[in-house]
Structure formats: structure tokens, C-alpha cells
C-alpha atoms as a PDB file:
ATOM      1  CA  MET A   1       0.402   0.610   0.472  1.00  0.00           C
ATOM      2  CA  LYS A   2       2.976   2.235   0.940  1.00  0.00           C
ATOM      3  CA  TYR A   3       3.897   2.367  -3.565  1.00  0.00           C
ATOM      4  CA  LEU A   4       0.481   2.776  -3.915  1.00  0.00           C
ATOM      5  CA  TYR A   5       0.174   6.558  -3.067  1.00  0.00           C
ATOM      6  CA  PRO A   6       3.839   7.020  -4.710  1.00  0.00           C
ATOM      7  CA  LEU A   7       2.116   5.651  -8.021  1.00  0.00           C
ATOM      8  CA  ILE A   8      -0.952   7.885  -7.568  1.00  0.00           C
ATOM      9  CA  PHE A   9       1.147  10.916  -7.390  1.00  0.00           C
ATOM     10  CA  ALA A  10       3.553  10.212 -10.168  1.00  0.00           C
ATOM     11  CA  SER A  11       0.452   9.408 -12.459  1.00  0.00           C
ATOM     12  CA  PHE A  12      -1.300  12.576 -12.284  1.00  0.00           C
ATOM     13  CA  PHE A  13       2.327  14.653 -11.871  1.00  0.00           C
ATOM     14  CA  ALA A  14       3.005  13.050 -15.271  1.00  0.00           C
ATOM     15  CA  ILE A  15      -1.068  13.578 -16.420  1.00  0.00           C
ATOM     16  CA  SER A  16      -0.349  17.578 -15.734  1.00  0.00           C
ATOM     17  CA  CYS A  17       2.818  17.894 -16.686  1.00  0.00           C
ATOM     18  CA  SER A  18       1.982  16.572 -20.670  1.00  0.00           C
ATOM     19  CA  GLY A  19      -1.307  19.159 -20.225  1.00  0.00           C
ATOM     20  CA  GLU A  20       1.187  21.867 -20.194  1.00  0.00           C
ATOM     21  CA  THR A  21       2.787  20.267 -22.913  1.00  0.00           C
ATOM     22  CA  GLU A  22       0.020  20.187 -25.991  1.00  0.00           C
ATOM     23  CA  GLN A  23      -1.277  23.913 -24.242  1.00  0.00           C
ATOM     24  CA  GLN A  24       2.341  25.441 -25.398  1.00  0.00           C
ATOM     25  CA  GLU A  25       2.288  23.737 -29.215  1.00  0.00           C
ATOM     26  CA  GLN A  26      -0.169  25.238 -29.012  1.00  0.00           C
ATOM     27  CA  VAL A  27       1.000  29.015 -29.050  1.00  0.00           C
ATOM     28  CA  VAL A  28       1.196  30.040 -32.907  1.00  0.00           C
ATOM     29  CA  ASP A  29       4.169  31.700 -34.096  1.00  0.00           C
ATOM     30  CA  GLY A  30       4.732  32.584 -37.506  1.00  0.00           C
ATOM     31  CA  GLU A  31       5.210  35.264 -40.216  1.00  0.00           C
ATOM     32  CA  GLY A  32       2.922  36.185 -42.924  1.00  0.00           C
ATOM     33  CA  VAL A  33      -0.661  36.709 -43.788  1.00  0.00           C
ATOM     34  CA  GLN A  34      -1.887  32.758 -42.604  1.00  0.00           C
ATOM     35  CA  ILE A  35      -4.842  30.788 -42.948  1.00  0.00           C
ATOM     36  CA  GLU A  36      -6.368  27.888 -41.010  1.00  0.00           C
ATOM     37  CA  SER A  37      -8.563  25.114 -40.235  1.00  0.00           C
ATOM     38  CA  ALA A  38     -10.312  25.332 -42.947  1.00  0.00           C
ATOM     39  CA  TRP A  39     -13.337  23.255 -43.383  1.00  0.00           C
ATOM     40  CA  ALA A  40     -16.639  23.555 -45.795  1.00  0.00           C
ATOM     41  CA  ARG A  41     -19.949  22.192 -45.574  1.00  0.00           C
ATOM     42  CA  PRO A  42     -21.329  19.683 -48.024  1.00  0.00           C
ATOM     43  CA  ALA A  43     -24.117  20.667 -50.630  1.00  0.00           C
ATOM     44  CA  SER A  44     -25.869  19.087 -53.315  1.00  0.00           C
ATOM     45  CA  GLU A  45     -24.812  20.678 -57.673  1.00  0.00           C
ATOM     46  CA  GLY A  46     -26.357  24.182 -58.197  1.00  0.00           C
ATOM     47  CA  ARG A  47     -26.694  24.786 -54.041  1.00  0.00           C
ATOM     48  CA  MET A  48     -25.276  26.689 -51.745  1.00  0.00           C
ATOM     49  CA  SER A  49     -21.850  25.992 -49.403  1.00  0.00           C
ATOM     50  CA  ALA A  50     -19.984  28.466 -46.951  1.00  0.00           C
ATOM     51  CA  ALA A  51     -16.398  27.446 -45.280  1.00  0.00           C
ATOM     52  CA  TYR A  52     -15.085  29.014 -42.009  1.00  0.00           C
ATOM     53  CA  PHE A  53     -11.388  29.358 -40.609  1.00  0.00           C
ATOM     54  CA  LEU A  54      -8.527  31.655 -39.486  1.00  0.00           C
ATOM     55  CA  ILE A  55      -6.800  34.358 -40.724  1.00  0.00           C
ATOM     56  CA  THR A  56      -3.844  35.272 -38.795  1.00  0.00           C
ATOM     57  CA  ASN A  57      -2.074  38.617 -39.414  1.00  0.00           C
ATOM     58  CA  PHE A  58       1.340  38.104 -38.527  1.00  0.00           C
ATOM     59  CA  GLU A  59       3.081  41.438 -39.757  1.00  0.00           C
ATOM     60  CA  ASN A  60       3.658  44.496 -38.456  1.00  0.00           C
ATOM     61  CA  SER A  61       0.599  46.004 -40.700  1.00  0.00           C
ATOM     62  CA  GLU A  62      -2.533  45.949 -41.481  1.00  0.00           C
ATOM     63  CA  ASP A  63      -3.829  44.296 -44.414  1.00  0.00           C
ATOM     64  CA  ALA A  64      -7.060  42.469 -45.525  1.00  0.00           C
ATOM     65  CA  LEU A  65      -8.953  40.029 -47.308  1.00  0.00           C
ATOM     66  CA  ILE A  66     -10.179  41.753 -50.517  1.00  0.00           C
ATOM     67  CA  GLY A  67     -11.620  38.554 -52.380  1.00  0.00           C
ATOM     68  CA  VAL A  68     -12.029  34.686 -53.319  1.00  0.00           C
ATOM     69  CA  GLU A  69     -12.278  32.833 -55.850  1.00  0.00           C
ATOM     70  CA  SER A  70     -13.178  28.720 -56.628  1.00  0.00           C
ATOM     71  CA  ASP A  71     -14.180  26.217 -59.622  1.00  0.00           C
ATOM     72  CA  VAL A  72     -16.255  24.797 -57.472  1.00  0.00           C
ATOM     73  CA  ALA A  73     -19.135  27.366 -57.447  1.00  0.00           C
ATOM     74  CA  GLN A  74     -20.319  29.844 -60.186  1.00  0.00           C
ATOM     75  CA  MET A  75     -20.188  33.215 -57.596  1.00  0.00           C
ATOM     76  CA  VAL A  76     -17.693  33.179 -54.516  1.00  0.00           C
ATOM     77  CA  GLU A  77     -18.652  35.503 -51.922  1.00  0.00           C
ATOM     78  CA  VAL A  78     -17.274  37.330 -48.309  1.00  0.00           C
ATOM     79  CA  HIS A  79     -20.515  37.209 -46.007  1.00  0.00           C
ATOM     80  CA  GLU A  80     -21.540  38.156 -42.991  1.00  0.00           C
ATOM     81  CA  SER A  81     -24.134  37.168 -40.721  1.00  0.00           C
ATOM     82  CA  TYR A  82     -26.826  40.065 -38.102  1.00  0.00           C
ATOM     83  CA  GLU A  83     -29.502  40.880 -36.202  1.00  0.00           C
ATOM     84  CA  ARG A  84     -31.413  42.761 -38.149  1.00  0.00           C
ATOM     85  CA  GLU A  85     -34.298  45.092 -36.579  1.00  0.00           C
ATOM     86  CA  GLU A  86     -36.806  42.988 -35.997  1.00  0.00           C
ATOM     87  CA  GLY A  87     -34.643  40.062 -34.800  1.00  0.00           C
ATOM     88  CA  MET A  88     -34.381  38.034 -37.471  1.00  0.00           C
ATOM     89  CA  MET A  89     -30.969  37.063 -38.462  1.00  0.00           C
ATOM     90  CA  GLY A  90     -29.857  38.290 -42.275  1.00  0.00           C
ATOM     91  CA  MET A  91     -26.997  38.052 -44.658  1.00  0.00           C
ATOM     92  CA  ARG A  92     -25.537  40.577 -45.863  1.00  0.00           C
ATOM     93  CA  GLU A  93     -21.691  40.575 -48.769  1.00  0.00           C
ATOM     94  CA  VAL A  94     -18.769  42.420 -47.073  1.00  0.00           C
ATOM     95  CA  PRO A  95     -16.678  43.982 -49.844  1.00  0.00           C
ATOM     96  CA  GLU A  96     -13.568  43.787 -47.895  1.00  0.00           C
ATOM     97  CA  VAL A  97     -12.292  41.883 -44.419  1.00  0.00           C
ATOM     98  CA  GLU A  98      -9.827  44.495 -42.498  1.00  0.00           C
ATOM     99  CA  LEU A  99      -7.215  41.388 -40.981  1.00  0.00           C
ATOM    100  CA  PRO A 100      -5.010  44.765 -38.689  1.00  0.00           C
ATOM    101  CA  SER A 101      -1.546  43.502 -37.622  1.00  0.00           C
ATOM    102  CA  GLU A 102      -0.288  40.951 -34.843  1.00  0.00           C
ATOM    103  CA  SER A 103      -4.336  39.945 -35.047  1.00  0.00           C
ATOM    104  CA  THR A 104      -6.642  36.585 -35.621  1.00  0.00           C
ATOM    105  CA  VAL A 105     -10.226  36.807 -37.695  1.00  0.00           C
ATOM    106  CA  ARG A 106     -12.422  33.867 -37.194  1.00  0.00           C
ATOM    107  CA  PHE A 107     -14.348  32.936 -40.659  1.00  0.00           C
ATOM    108  CA  GLN A 108     -17.577  31.858 -38.291  1.00  0.00           C
ATOM    109  CA  GLN A 109     -21.354  30.034 -38.362  1.00  0.00           C
ATOM    110  CA  GLY A 110     -23.485  33.636 -37.497  1.00  0.00           C
ATOM    111  CA  GLY A 111     -20.078  35.556 -38.274  1.00  0.00           C
ATOM    112  CA  LEU A 112     -17.625  36.537 -41.534  1.00  0.00           C
ATOM    113  CA  HIS A 113     -17.649  33.305 -43.374  1.00  0.00           C
ATOM    114  CA  ILE A 114     -17.092  31.946 -47.065  1.00  0.00           C
ATOM    115  CA  MET A 115     -20.739  31.997 -49.665  1.00  0.00           C
ATOM    116  CA  LEU A 116     -20.444  29.346 -52.338  1.00  0.00           C
ATOM    117  CA  ILE A 117     -22.976  29.482 -54.295  1.00  0.00           C
ATOM    118  CA  GLN A 118     -24.495  27.693 -57.212  1.00  0.00           C
ATOM    119  CA  VAL A 119     -21.461  25.022 -56.011  1.00  0.00           C
ATOM    120  CA  THR A 120     -20.852  23.293 -59.385  1.00  0.00           C
ATOM    121  CA  ARG A 121     -20.006  19.947 -58.391  1.00  0.00           C
ATOM    122  CA  THR A 122     -21.519  18.385 -55.720  1.00  0.00           C
ATOM    123  CA  LEU A 123     -19.692  18.909 -52.760  1.00  0.00           C
ATOM    124  CA  ALA A 124     -19.596  15.771 -49.933  1.00  0.00           C
ATOM    125  CA  ASP A 125     -18.530  15.647 -47.055  1.00  0.00           C
ATOM    126  CA  GLY A 126     -14.179  14.131 -47.271  1.00  0.00           C
ATOM    127  CA  ASP A 127     -14.051  16.279 -50.444  1.00  0.00           C
ATOM    128  CA  THR A 128     -11.675  18.776 -50.313  1.00  0.00           C
ATOM    129  CA  PHE A 129     -11.869  21.147 -53.729  1.00  0.00           C
ATOM    130  CA  GLU A 130      -9.418  24.830 -53.462  1.00  0.00           C
ATOM    131  CA  LEU A 131     -10.068  28.359 -52.645  1.00  0.00           C
ATOM    132  CA  THR A 132      -7.806  31.597 -52.770  1.00  0.00           C
ATOM    133  CA  LEU A 133      -7.895  34.392 -51.299  1.00  0.00           C
ATOM    134  CA  ASN A 134      -6.249  37.975 -52.790  1.00  0.00           C
ATOM    135  CA  PHE A 135      -5.300  40.575 -49.742  1.00  0.00           C
ATOM    136  CA  SER A 136      -4.740  43.971 -49.918  1.00  0.00           C
ATOM    137  CA  ASN A 137      -0.792  43.611 -49.458  1.00  0.00           C
ATOM    138  CA  SER A 138      -0.104  40.308 -49.427  1.00  0.00           C
ATOM    139  CA  GLU A 139       0.163  37.315 -52.076  1.00  0.00           C
ATOM    140  CA  SER A 140      -2.741  35.744 -53.017  1.00  0.00           C
ATOM    141  CA  GLN A 141      -2.754  32.637 -51.207  1.00  0.00           C
ATOM    142  CA  THR A 142      -4.759  29.180 -52.456  1.00  0.00           C
ATOM    143  CA  ILE A 143      -5.957  26.577 -49.044  1.00  0.00           C
ATOM    144  CA  GLU A 144      -7.537  23.332 -50.120  1.00  0.00           C
ATOM    145  CA  VAL A 145     -10.498  22.939 -48.039  1.00  0.00           C
ATOM    146  CA  PRO A 146     -11.771  19.470 -46.819  1.00  0.00           C
ATOM    147  CA  VAL A 147     -16.136  18.854 -47.090  1.00  0.00           C
ATOM    148  CA  ARG A 148     -17.679  17.088 -43.257  1.00  0.00           C
ATOM    149  CA  LEU A 149     -20.533  17.607 -41.713  1.00  0.00           C
END
């Protein structure tokens, strides 16, 4: 029994230390503009889908997302969700998204997102497609977007 307590303590200590390591690995360092955690909703051909991700601007100067492109939809637009005066939710196109220096902008459900309008092929769970993001100060970036539920 006297050996059981040190073993339990050592186990708890190892578990707590592993949690600290995981938190340290999640600290993000980088340069330029980086896009992470991209994904999109499934959609049937001719319907709409939405894409979401994080954009981090590691630069000391501001930038802006000024457009998006993809061959997977007839129209690709940056949209934001908002609450109308009567309490209903609505969506509107956003011509430009500011990316303040050293900050992250989240594209998520109920907020900023990319609308894929009139999808040119079915987007099923597990598929991927390319999305090109155009910036005012940085080079355009093409990312691979996985489709998931």
C-alpha cells in the first residue's frame, strides 16, 4: 500500500505535465498572413455552401482580404451574418475584411464566412476543393478546403 500512493502521485503529475506541453504547442508563431482550420459544409450541385477558417496576420502592418475565388461555385463571396431590426438574422456581402496587424480574424458560423453560390459539383463529406484568397498587401494564397458535416 505504501508504494501505491507514490505511483498514483506520479501518474497525476505525468498527466498534468502532458497538459502543459499541449498548451505550449498550441501557441502560434509565424510570419506573413496564414490561413488555418479551413472547412466547408457539404452541398448538392446547384445549391449553396459556406467555408470557414482562421486568418492570422503576423505582420506589423494591416492587411485586408479583398476577394475570394474557386472553380467549385459560380459565385464566391465574403458574407457576414447580422441581426436585423425585427430580430431576424440576415446575411450581407462584405467587400473587404480588415486584418489588423498581429491579430486573428475568425470566419465562423453566425459571423464572417465564405459563401459558395451555385456549387458546380456536389460537395460531399470527405471531398476537398481549392479556395484562393486575395489580399490588399500580401500575395494571394490558395488553400485546400476539406468538406465535412
